[in-house]
Amino acid sequence: MKRTMVLVLLCLCAISICACSHQKGQDYLNGKVLEITETDIIVECIDESRDGLTGTRIGVSKEVISADGIPMIEVGNEIRVIYDFSKVQKSGDPVKIPHVYAIYLLDEHGEVIPN
């Protein structure tokens, strides 16, 4: 009985390690802020998005998971949005990104400005 429990626990550990090591990189996009509402930041995707969102109007949720929160953003700023592509709601205008990990301001070279 003890031997079986140990084997089961070892198998579970091995499975969880394999699952964690198979994660892909984080999804992100760079966008220009068009409008700021009470709940969303409306941006236009300005980079060559691998997700096919380039040139699309996107509503980015202000409910960010990051402990740093949202930087001071104004219309016209360029930002980087780290998000979960599997949760993007593509129907509607603008497209909605409800699951946002972090938002960063970008400098004039498209580089993240540290908080």
Protein backbone atom coordinates (compact mmCIF):
# COMPACT_ATOMS: atom_id res chain seq x y z
CA MET A 1 0.00 0.00 0.00
CA LYS A 2 2.76 2.46 0.94
CA ARG A 3 4.71 1.59 -2.17
CA THR A 4 1.65 2.25 -4.35
CA MET A 5 1.07 5.66 -2.75
CA VAL A 6 4.70 6.63 -3.27
CA LEU A 7 4.52 5.60 -6.94
CA VAL A 8 1.30 7.56 -7.45
CA LEU A 9 2.83 10.67 -5.85
CA LEU A 10 5.98 10.34 -7.97
CA CYS A 11 3.87 10.03 -11.13
CA LEU A 12 1.85 13.12 -10.20
CA CYS A 13 5.04 15.10 -9.58
CA ALA A 14 6.50 14.01 -12.93
CA ILE A 15 3.30 14.94 -14.77
CA SER A 16 3.13 18.39 -13.16
CA ILE A 17 6.79 19.10 -13.98
CA CYS A 18 6.26 18.12 -17.63
CA ALA A 19 3.11 20.23 -17.89
CA CYS A 20 4.82 23.30 -16.45
CA SER A 21 7.85 23.02 -18.71
CA HIS A 22 5.64 22.95 -21.82
CA GLN A 23 4.25 26.49 -21.40
CA LYS A 24 4.55 28.93 -24.30
CA GLY A 25 5.74 32.52 -24.06
CA GLN A 26 3.42 35.28 -22.95
CA ASP A 27 1.15 36.93 -25.48
CA TYR A 28 1.63 40.67 -25.84
CA LEU A 29 0.85 43.48 -28.22
CA ASN A 30 1.87 47.09 -28.62
CA GLY A 31 -0.93 49.57 -29.10
CA LYS A 32 -1.62 53.29 -29.40
CA VAL A 33 -4.16 54.58 -26.87
CA LEU A 34 -7.22 55.98 -28.66
CA GLU A 35 -9.61 56.41 -25.73
CA ILE A 36 -9.82 55.73 -22.01
CA THR A 37 -13.14 54.69 -20.50
CA GLU A 38 -14.11 53.80 -16.94
CA THR A 39 -13.47 50.08 -17.51
CA ASP A 40 -11.27 49.81 -20.63
CA ILE A 41 -8.38 51.35 -22.50
CA ILE A 42 -9.21 51.43 -26.21
CA VAL A 43 -6.07 50.90 -28.31
CA GLU A 44 -5.17 50.25 -31.91
CA CYS A 45 -2.70 47.39 -32.30
CA ILE A 46 0.38 48.95 -33.95
CA ASP A 47 2.83 46.06 -34.15
CA GLU A 48 2.97 43.01 -36.38
CA SER A 49 0.80 40.92 -34.09
CA ARG A 50 1.16 37.18 -34.58
CA ASP A 51 -2.43 36.94 -33.40
CA GLY A 52 -3.81 38.81 -36.41
CA LEU A 53 -4.78 41.89 -34.39
CA THR A 54 -2.60 44.45 -36.24
CA GLY A 55 -4.67 47.56 -37.02
CA THR A 56 -7.58 46.34 -34.88
CA ARG A 57 -9.37 48.45 -32.24
CA ILE A 58 -9.08 46.62 -28.94
CA GLY A 59 -10.73 47.21 -25.57
CA VAL A 60 -8.12 46.34 -22.93
CA SER A 61 -9.53 45.74 -19.46
CA LYS A 62 -8.25 48.02 -16.69
CA GLU A 63 -8.50 45.08 -14.26
CA VAL A 64 -4.84 44.10 -14.43
CA ILE A 65 -3.39 41.15 -12.50
CA SER A 66 0.01 42.85 -12.02
CA ALA A 67 0.75 44.12 -8.53
CA ASP A 68 2.15 47.28 -10.16
CA GLY A 69 -1.29 48.21 -11.50
CA ILE A 70 -1.64 50.52 -14.50
CA PRO A 71 0.83 53.33 -15.24
CA MET A 72 -0.44 56.86 -15.86
CA ILE A 73 -1.77 56.57 -19.41
CA GLU A 74 -3.03 59.33 -21.69
CA VAL A 75 -4.62 59.29 -25.14
CA GLY A 76 -1.80 59.09 -27.71
CA ASN A 77 0.54 57.03 -25.51
CA GLU A 78 1.91 53.76 -26.79
CA ILE A 79 1.60 50.80 -24.43
CA ARG A 80 2.50 47.12 -24.25
CA VAL A 81 -0.27 44.81 -23.07
CA ILE A 82 0.61 41.37 -21.67
CA TYR A 83 -2.50 39.21 -21.93
CA ASP A 84 -3.99 35.73 -22.38
CA PHE A 85 -4.82 35.29 -26.08
CA SER A 86 -7.09 32.31 -25.36
CA LYS A 87 -9.48 34.70 -23.55
CA VAL A 88 -9.70 37.35 -26.33
CA GLN A 89 -13.29 38.05 -27.39
CA LYS A 90 -12.95 38.70 -31.13
CA SER A 91 -16.62 39.29 -31.86
CA GLY A 92 -17.57 42.95 -31.67
CA ASP A 93 -15.93 46.31 -32.15
CA PRO A 94 -13.72 46.82 -30.35
CA VAL A 95 -12.26 43.34 -29.79
CA LYS A 96 -12.13 42.72 -26.00
CA ILE A 97 -9.16 41.57 -23.95
CA PRO A 98 -10.63 40.85 -20.51
CA HIS A 99 -7.68 38.91 -19.02
CA VAL A 100 -4.70 41.30 -18.76
CA TYR A 101 -1.53 40.45 -16.84
CA ALA A 102 0.26 43.81 -17.15
CA ILE A 103 0.33 47.11 -19.02
CA TYR A 104 3.53 49.08 -19.63
CA LEU A 105 4.22 52.47 -21.22
CA LEU A 106 6.53 52.45 -24.24
CA ASP A 107 9.16 55.04 -25.11
CA GLU A 108 9.66 56.59 -28.57
CA HIS A 109 11.67 53.52 -29.64
CA GLY A 110 8.95 51.04 -28.66
CA GLU A 111 10.83 49.90 -25.56
CA VAL A 112 9.16 49.37 -22.19
CA ILE A 113 9.62 52.23 -19.72
CA PRO A 114 10.45 50.65 -16.32
CA ASN A 115 8.02 51.48 -13.51
